[in-house]
């Protein structure tokens, strides 16, 4: 136990030093989303003066990074799809494997910048208008484009599970929650029982065949799968352009201690910014469908307890 505590303390110190260095190097491009939860993001462009391509790298630092675990990451870029997204993810994972146990974020940022530069030079990219009306609450380009769910984000720990799933797996039953509407924005949750990442992919693909769901401004999801043989959880999340929403949704699933379930929350943006209320609606929508389908009998108590803890942490940060 003492050795584990010493190692965790060493990891925390390494993280603090790495974050300070990145903040110094990248300035305003580096952003702290939730210091207590170790969530950060950085805006990366191919060219500082005349950017053609932009990507946002969101990072969650596990307590055992960098000694024994990679950062949990997500790349938000509407133009990044299919094979390009997979190629970039693979290159980041290869960098981690080559530098296992070392701080990796600077190498990741520069690898993404190199990737953007190559794509800007080699591909025919349509110029965006200089003045573009903002359609969502996030300052990202092409927010109205439909996200690509054909390729799930793969990290070094989860990659084998996605590649080895059985081709004859059955599509789980999908349930839909009620809608929450606030200032013309509408939120609706969807839920499916899943026991493999392959089923996660099947459910997402099936949901996206629905034109209404496909037209949503954001489709945020999170899942937790309990692996009995390893007595550990396989879990992941996706913001789909709503920065930090996926991580908050996954945190809700963790607070409620639900397992073997995928929850997707669709948001149709109504043109009026909701501020922090949008996160409340996303989590409430998810909680409602979990209660509806009997995944937790004490969801309200657990959710309130988690909210109180989160508020106390937020006050300390402020």
Protein backbone atom coordinates (compact mmCIF):
# COMPACT_ATOMS: atom_id res chain seq x y z
CA UNK A 1 0.00 0.00 0.00
CA UNK A 2 2.82 2.37 0.89
CA UNK A 3 4.49 1.75 -2.48
CA UNK A 4 1.22 2.51 -4.29
CA UNK A 5 0.80 5.77 -2.36
CA UNK A 6 4.36 6.81 -3.15
CA UNK A 7 3.87 6.02 -6.83
CA UNK A 8 0.58 7.94 -6.98
CA UNK A 9 2.24 10.91 -5.29
CA UNK A 10 4.98 10.76 -7.90
CA UNK A 11 2.41 10.65 -10.69
CA UNK A 12 0.57 13.66 -9.28
CA UNK A 13 3.79 15.66 -9.07
CA UNK A 14 4.66 14.71 -12.65
CA UNK A 15 1.20 15.81 -13.78
CA UNK A 16 1.51 19.16 -12.00
CA UNK A 17 4.89 19.82 -13.59
CA UNK A 18 3.66 18.74 -17.04
CA UNK A 19 0.54 20.94 -16.86
CA UNK A 20 2.61 23.95 -15.76
CA UNK A 21 5.01 23.39 -18.65
CA UNK A 22 2.20 23.06 -21.21
CA UNK A 23 0.48 26.17 -19.86
CA UNK A 24 3.74 28.07 -20.23
CA UNK A 25 4.39 26.77 -23.75
CA UNK A 26 0.91 27.15 -25.24
CA UNK A 27 -0.50 30.08 -23.27
CA UNK A 28 -4.15 30.82 -24.03
CA UNK A 29 -4.45 27.72 -26.21
CA UNK A 30 -4.16 25.58 -23.05
CA UNK A 31 -7.35 25.49 -20.97
CA UNK A 32 -8.14 23.99 -17.56
CA UNK A 33 -11.69 22.59 -17.64
CA UNK A 34 -11.79 20.92 -14.22
CA UNK A 35 -8.61 21.02 -12.16
CA UNK A 36 -9.95 18.68 -9.47
CA UNK A 37 -10.95 16.05 -12.02
CA UNK A 38 -7.71 16.64 -13.99
CA UNK A 39 -9.56 17.58 -17.19
CA UNK A 40 -7.80 19.86 -19.68
CA UNK A 41 -8.06 20.81 -23.32
CA UNK A 42 -5.92 22.56 -25.90
CA UNK A 43 -6.81 24.19 -29.20
CA UNK A 44 -4.40 23.12 -31.95
CA UNK A 45 -4.09 24.70 -35.40
CA UNK A 46 -1.98 23.93 -38.45
CA UNK A 47 -0.82 27.56 -38.69
CA UNK A 48 -0.93 30.19 -35.94
CA UNK A 49 -1.30 33.20 -38.27
CA UNK A 50 -3.54 31.69 -40.97
CA UNK A 51 -5.18 28.52 -39.61
CA UNK A 52 -7.02 26.31 -42.06
CA UNK A 53 -7.62 23.34 -39.76
CA UNK A 54 -8.34 23.35 -36.05
CA UNK A 55 -8.75 20.53 -33.54
CA UNK A 56 -9.44 20.51 -29.83
CA UNK A 57 -7.67 17.84 -27.78
CA UNK A 58 -9.46 17.10 -24.52
CA UNK A 59 -7.53 15.15 -21.91
CA UNK A 60 -8.36 13.46 -18.62
CA UNK A 61 -5.32 12.46 -16.56
CA UNK A 62 -5.85 9.23 -14.56
CA UNK A 63 -4.34 9.09 -11.07
CA UNK A 64 -1.75 6.55 -12.31
CA UNK A 65 -0.57 8.58 -15.32
CA UNK A 66 2.20 8.65 -16.46
CA UNK A 67 3.63 5.65 -14.59
CA UNK A 68 1.19 2.96 -15.72
CA UNK A 69 -1.79 4.43 -17.59
CA UNK A 70 -2.24 6.63 -20.67
CA UNK A 71 -4.26 9.85 -20.64
CA UNK A 72 -7.92 9.44 -21.58
CA UNK A 73 -8.29 11.65 -24.64
CA UNK A 74 -10.78 12.88 -27.15
CA UNK A 75 -10.24 14.87 -30.35
CA UNK A 76 -13.03 17.28 -31.26
CA UNK A 77 -12.90 18.30 -34.92
CA UNK A 78 -15.93 18.14 -37.19
CA UNK A 79 -13.75 17.69 -40.30
CA UNK A 80 -11.88 14.72 -38.79
CA UNK A 81 -13.66 11.58 -39.91
CA UNK A 82 -13.34 7.89 -40.68
CA UNK A 83 -9.89 6.76 -41.76
CA UNK A 84 -8.26 10.10 -40.93
CA UNK A 85 -9.53 9.94 -37.35
CA UNK A 86 -8.38 6.35 -37.02
CA UNK A 87 -4.93 7.15 -38.45
CA UNK A 88 -4.45 10.03 -36.03
CA UNK A 89 -5.63 7.95 -33.05
CA UNK A 90 -3.28 5.14 -34.03
CA UNK A 91 -0.32 7.53 -34.25
CA UNK A 92 -1.05 8.89 -30.77
CA UNK A 93 -1.32 5.39 -29.35
CA UNK A 94 1.97 4.39 -30.98
CA UNK A 95 3.63 7.43 -29.40
CA UNK A 96 2.33 6.37 -26.00
CA UNK A 97 3.61 2.82 -26.40
CA UNK A 98 7.02 4.10 -27.50
CA UNK A 99 7.20 6.41 -24.47
CA UNK A 100 5.32 4.36 -21.88
CA UNK A 101 5.84 5.67 -18.36
CA UNK A 102 6.83 9.15 -19.54
CA UNK A 103 4.91 12.41 -19.92
CA UNK A 104 3.35 12.27 -23.36
CA UNK A 105 1.09 15.31 -23.82
CA UNK A 106 3.60 17.62 -25.54
CA UNK A 107 4.43 14.89 -28.06
CA UNK A 108 0.72 14.32 -28.66
CA UNK A 109 0.00 18.00 -29.27
CA UNK A 110 2.84 18.37 -31.74
CA UNK A 111 1.88 15.12 -33.50
CA UNK A 112 -1.65 16.47 -33.96
CA UNK A 113 -0.25 19.78 -35.23
CA UNK A 114 1.92 17.89 -37.72
CA UNK A 115 -1.14 15.90 -38.82
CA UNK A 116 -3.14 19.11 -39.35
CA UNK A 117 -0.33 20.63 -41.39
CA UNK A 118 -0.08 17.57 -43.62
CA UNK A 119 -3.84 17.52 -44.21
CA UNK A 120 -3.99 21.24 -44.93
CA UNK A 121 -1.27 20.87 -47.56
CA UNK A 122 -2.37 17.59 -49.16
CA UNK A 123 -6.15 17.76 -49.23
CA UNK A 124 -8.59 20.00 -51.05
CA UNK A 125 -10.24 21.85 -48.20
CA UNK A 126 -13.05 24.29 -48.84
CA UNK A 127 -12.36 27.69 -47.38
CA UNK A 128 -14.75 28.69 -44.60
CA UNK A 129 -16.31 32.16 -44.63
CA UNK A 130 -14.39 34.70 -42.59
CA UNK A 131 -17.54 35.59 -40.68
CA UNK A 132 -19.56 32.63 -39.48
CA UNK A 133 -22.63 32.79 -37.25
CA UNK A 134 -22.18 30.68 -34.14
CA UNK A 135 -24.73 27.85 -34.13
CA UNK A 136 -23.88 26.26 -30.79
CA UNK A 137 -22.37 27.22 -27.46
CA UNK A 138 -18.93 25.91 -28.40
CA UNK A 139 -16.45 27.94 -30.46
CA UNK A 140 -15.62 25.18 -32.91
CA UNK A 141 -15.85 25.17 -36.68
CA UNK A 142 -18.51 23.26 -38.63
CA UNK A 143 -20.62 22.40 -35.58
CA UNK A 144 -23.54 21.62 -37.85
CA UNK A 145 -21.76 18.71 -39.49
CA UNK A 146 -22.85 15.20 -38.52
CA UNK A 147 -20.36 13.34 -36.35
CA UNK A 148 -18.88 10.06 -37.53
CA UNK A 149 -19.82 7.17 -35.24
CA UNK A 150 -18.28 4.52 -37.50
CA UNK A 151 -14.99 4.84 -35.64
CA UNK A 152 -15.07 4.88 -31.85
CA UNK A 153 -12.15 6.46 -30.01
CA UNK A 154 -9.70 3.69 -29.20
CA UNK A 155 -7.13 3.90 -26.46
CA UNK A 156 -4.29 1.48 -25.81
CA UNK A 157 -6.23 -0.34 -23.12
CA UNK A 158 -9.51 -0.74 -25.03
CA UNK A 159 -8.33 -1.29 -28.59
CA UNK A 160 -8.28 -5.09 -28.45
CA UNK A 161 -11.87 -5.22 -27.22
CA UNK A 162 -13.15 -3.33 -30.26
CA UNK A 163 -11.09 -5.31 -32.74
CA UNK A 164 -12.01 -8.73 -31.35
CA UNK A 165 -15.76 -8.40 -31.03
CA UNK A 166 -17.87 -11.17 -32.55
CA UNK A 167 -19.50 -10.49 -35.91
CA UNK A 168 -22.68 -12.35 -34.91
CA UNK A 169 -23.44 -10.22 -31.85
CA UNK A 170 -27.08 -9.23 -31.53
CA UNK A 171 -28.20 -5.63 -31.46
CA UNK A 172 -29.35 -4.84 -27.90
CA UNK A 173 -32.81 -3.39 -27.35
CA UNK A 174 -32.77 0.41 -27.36
CA UNK A 175 -35.02 2.43 -25.06
CA UNK A 176 -35.79 6.13 -25.36
CA UNK A 177 -36.42 8.57 -22.55
CA UNK A 178 -38.70 11.59 -22.49
CA UNK A 179 -37.65 15.01 -23.71
CA UNK A 180 -36.52 18.06 -21.76
CA UNK A 181 -37.01 21.44 -23.45
CA UNK A 182 -35.51 24.73 -22.31
CA UNK A 183 -35.36 27.93 -24.36
CA UNK A 184 -35.94 26.04 -27.60
CA UNK A 185 -33.17 23.50 -26.94
CA UNK A 186 -34.41 19.91 -26.62
CA UNK A 187 -32.67 17.01 -24.90
CA UNK A 188 -33.58 13.32 -25.21
CA UNK A 189 -31.82 10.27 -23.81
CA UNK A 190 -31.43 6.78 -25.28
CA UNK A 191 -30.31 3.67 -23.41
CA UNK A 192 -29.19 0.16 -24.32
CA UNK A 193 -27.80 -2.74 -22.27
CA UNK A 194 -24.31 -3.59 -23.55
CA UNK A 195 -21.73 -6.16 -22.48
CA UNK A 196 -19.13 -5.66 -25.25
CA UNK A 197 -17.72 -2.62 -27.07
CA UNK A 198 -18.94 -4.23 -30.28
CA UNK A 199 -22.49 -3.80 -29.03
CA UNK A 200 -21.73 -0.16 -28.21
CA UNK A 201 -20.77 0.40 -31.83
CA UNK A 202 -23.87 -1.45 -33.08
CA UNK A 203 -26.19 0.66 -30.93
CA UNK A 204 -24.56 3.93 -32.00
CA UNK A 205 -24.76 2.94 -35.66
CA UNK A 206 -28.41 1.98 -35.25
CA UNK A 207 -29.30 5.22 -33.49
CA UNK A 208 -27.61 7.21 -36.21
CA UNK A 209 -29.82 5.59 -38.83
CA UNK A 210 -32.64 7.61 -37.29
CA UNK A 211 -32.71 10.90 -39.21
CA UNK A 212 -33.97 12.87 -36.22
CA UNK A 213 -31.15 11.65 -33.98
CA UNK A 214 -28.63 12.13 -36.79
CA UNK A 215 -29.75 15.76 -37.10
CA UNK A 216 -29.07 16.53 -33.42
CA UNK A 217 -26.47 19.24 -32.79
CA UNK A 218 -24.73 16.94 -30.29
CA UNK A 219 -25.04 13.25 -29.50
CA UNK A 220 -23.19 12.79 -26.22
CA UNK A 221 -22.63 9.27 -24.91
CA UNK A 222 -20.98 7.29 -22.16
CA UNK A 223 -20.86 3.61 -21.32
CA UNK A 224 -19.64 1.30 -18.54
CA UNK A 225 -19.01 -2.41 -19.03
CA UNK A 226 -17.98 -4.60 -16.13
CA UNK A 227 -15.34 -7.21 -17.02
CA UNK A 228 -15.80 -9.99 -14.47
CA UNK A 229 -12.59 -11.83 -15.40
CA UNK A 230 -10.50 -8.72 -14.68
CA UNK A 231 -12.85 -7.30 -12.05
CA UNK A 232 -12.58 -3.89 -13.66
CA UNK A 233 -14.65 -1.54 -15.80
CA UNK A 234 -14.29 -0.85 -19.50
CA UNK A 235 -15.68 2.65 -19.96
CA UNK A 236 -15.48 5.58 -22.33
CA UNK A 237 -17.37 8.70 -23.38
CA UNK A 238 -17.79 11.13 -26.27
CA UNK A 239 -18.57 14.88 -26.17
CA UNK A 240 -19.51 15.23 -29.86
CA UNK A 241 -18.59 18.92 -29.74
CA UNK A 242 -20.18 19.72 -26.36
CA UNK A 243 -16.90 20.08 -24.47
CA UNK A 244 -16.76 18.18 -21.15
CA UNK A 245 -20.33 16.84 -21.49
CA UNK A 246 -19.21 13.26 -22.13
CA UNK A 247 -16.96 13.23 -19.08
CA UNK A 248 -19.77 14.60 -16.91
CA UNK A 249 -22.12 11.92 -18.24
CA UNK A 250 -19.62 9.16 -17.51
CA UNK A 251 -19.14 10.61 -14.02
CA UNK A 252 -22.89 10.30 -13.47
CA UNK A 253 -22.81 6.62 -14.44
CA UNK A 254 -19.95 6.15 -11.99
CA UNK A 255 -21.79 7.94 -9.17
CA UNK A 256 -24.88 5.79 -9.71
CA UNK A 257 -22.63 2.71 -10.00
CA UNK A 258 -24.50 1.37 -13.04
CA UNK A 259 -22.86 -1.20 -15.25
CA UNK A 260 -23.27 -2.85 -18.65
CA UNK A 261 -25.15 0.09 -20.09
CA UNK A 262 -24.74 2.73 -22.80
CA UNK A 263 -26.49 6.08 -22.46
CA UNK A 264 -26.73 8.58 -25.32
CA UNK A 265 -28.16 12.08 -24.89
CA UNK A 266 -29.16 13.97 -28.03
CA UNK A 267 -29.33 17.75 -27.95
CA UNK A 268 -31.04 19.86 -30.58
CA UNK A 269 -29.76 23.43 -30.14
CA UNK A 270 -32.48 26.07 -30.33
CA UNK A 271 -30.39 29.18 -30.92
CA UNK A 272 -30.36 30.46 -27.33
CA UNK A 273 -27.33 29.71 -25.19
CA UNK A 274 -28.12 27.87 -21.96
CA UNK A 275 -24.75 28.17 -20.25
CA UNK A 276 -24.14 25.63 -17.46
CA UNK A 277 -27.83 24.64 -17.53
CA UNK A 278 -27.14 22.49 -20.58
CA UNK A 279 -25.03 20.12 -18.50
CA UNK A 280 -27.81 19.88 -15.92
CA UNK A 281 -30.31 18.92 -18.62
CA UNK A 282 -27.95 16.35 -20.15
CA UNK A 283 -27.40 14.59 -16.82
CA UNK A 284 -31.05 14.84 -15.76
CA UNK A 285 -32.13 13.35 -19.08
CA UNK A 286 -29.67 10.48 -18.63
CA UNK A 287 -30.69 9.92 -15.01
CA UNK A 288 -34.37 9.81 -15.96
CA UNK A 289 -33.91 7.04 -18.52
CA UNK A 290 -31.74 5.05 -16.10
CA UNK A 291 -34.52 5.23 -13.50
CA UNK A 292 -37.13 4.50 -16.16
CA UNK A 293 -35.36 1.28 -17.15
CA UNK A 294 -34.69 0.21 -13.54
CA UNK A 295 -30.91 0.56 -13.53
CA UNK A 296 -30.93 2.16 -10.11
CA UNK A 297 -33.52 2.31 -7.36
CA UNK A 298 -31.75 5.09 -5.47
CA UNK A 299 -30.67 7.32 -8.33
CA UNK A 300 -32.00 10.51 -6.77
CA UNK A 301 -30.11 10.03 -3.52
CA UNK A 302 -26.89 9.04 -5.25
CA UNK A 303 -27.15 11.87 -7.76
CA UNK A 304 -27.80 14.45 -5.06
CA UNK A 305 -24.88 13.15 -3.01
CA UNK A 306 -22.59 13.37 -6.05
CA UNK A 307 -23.82 16.87 -6.83
CA UNK A 308 -23.09 18.06 -3.29
CA UNK A 309 -19.55 16.70 -3.48
CA UNK A 310 -19.03 18.32 -6.84
CA UNK A 311 -20.31 21.70 -5.60
CA UNK A 312 -18.00 21.64 -2.61
CA UNK A 313 -15.03 20.93 -4.89
CA UNK A 314 -16.09 23.68 -7.28
CA UNK A 315 -16.19 26.21 -4.46
CA UNK A 316 -12.66 25.31 -3.46
CA UNK A 317 -11.44 25.74 -7.04
CA UNK A 318 -13.08 29.14 -7.37
